Amino acid sequence: MSMETYENAQRRLAMYGAIEVSEQQIDNGDVKDADEALKEIRAKYGIISRTFLFENHQQFEL
């Protein structure tokens, strides 16, 4: 087996492992609403969404 084939197999196995963990989390109900999660991230890092800017564009005009 070539090094490239081995590395590709390792990446594939890692991906399958991540998918398995994600499926277990879904089965266990360990999920969040995407919109709520994005709001939390934006608030934590001070990120303003494009939607917010579009809806409030007059406040930000120079």
Protein backbone atom coordinates (compact mmCIF):
# COMPACT_ATOMS: atom_id res chain seq x y z
CA MET A 1 0.00 0.00 0.00
CA SER A 2 1.41 3.37 -0.98
CA MET A 3 1.71 6.22 1.51
CA GLU A 4 -0.93 8.17 -0.42
CA THR A 5 -3.38 5.26 -0.25
CA TYR A 6 -2.69 4.84 3.47
CA GLU A 7 -3.23 8.54 4.18
CA ASN A 8 -6.46 8.56 2.19
CA ALA A 9 -7.68 5.52 4.13
CA GLN A 10 -6.83 7.23 7.43
CA ARG A 11 -8.73 10.38 6.44
CA ARG A 12 -11.71 8.28 5.39
CA LEU A 13 -11.68 6.39 8.70
CA ALA A 14 -11.51 9.67 10.64
CA MET A 15 -14.46 10.99 8.65
CA TYR A 16 -16.50 7.85 9.31
CA GLY A 17 -15.66 8.13 13.01
CA ALA A 18 -16.87 11.74 13.08
CA ILE A 19 -20.07 10.74 11.30
CA GLU A 20 -20.66 7.96 13.83
CA VAL A 21 -20.22 10.38 16.74
CA SER A 22 -22.62 12.83 15.09
CA GLU A 23 -25.23 10.14 14.59
CA GLN A 24 -24.93 9.12 18.25
CA GLN A 25 -25.37 12.75 19.31
CA ILE A 26 -28.50 13.04 17.18
CA ASP A 27 -29.88 9.78 18.59
CA ASN A 28 -29.21 11.05 22.14
CA GLY A 29 -30.85 14.41 21.44
CA ASP A 30 -27.57 16.28 21.92
CA VAL A 31 -28.44 18.82 19.24
CA LYS A 32 -29.03 22.57 19.00
CA ASP A 33 -31.20 24.67 16.78
CA ALA A 34 -28.89 26.04 14.07
CA ASP A 35 -30.32 29.56 14.17
CA GLU A 36 -29.94 29.74 17.95
CA ALA A 37 -26.39 28.38 17.81
CA LEU A 38 -25.41 30.97 15.19
CA LYS A 39 -26.93 33.76 17.29
CA GLU A 40 -24.82 32.63 20.26
CA ILE A 41 -21.64 32.55 18.17
CA ARG A 42 -22.34 35.99 16.68
CA ALA A 43 -22.98 37.43 20.14
CA LYS A 44 -19.86 35.82 21.59
CA TYR A 45 -17.56 37.12 18.86
CA GLY A 46 -19.35 40.37 18.02
CA ILE A 47 -20.23 39.29 14.50
CA ILE A 48 -22.98 41.18 12.72
CA SER A 49 -24.98 39.12 10.23
CA ARG A 50 -25.64 40.29 6.68
CA THR A 51 -29.37 40.08 7.38
CA PHE A 52 -28.99 42.47 10.30
CA LEU A 53 -26.98 44.90 8.17
CA PHE A 54 -29.51 44.69 5.34
CA GLU A 55 -32.46 45.29 7.67
CA ASN A 56 -30.69 48.18 9.43
CA HIS A 57 -28.63 49.60 6.57
CA GLN A 58 -29.72 53.22 7.12
CA GLN A 59 -28.16 53.19 10.60
CA PHE A 60 -24.76 52.25 9.14
CA GLU A 61 -24.52 54.56 6.12
CA LEU A 62 -21.62 57.00 6.20
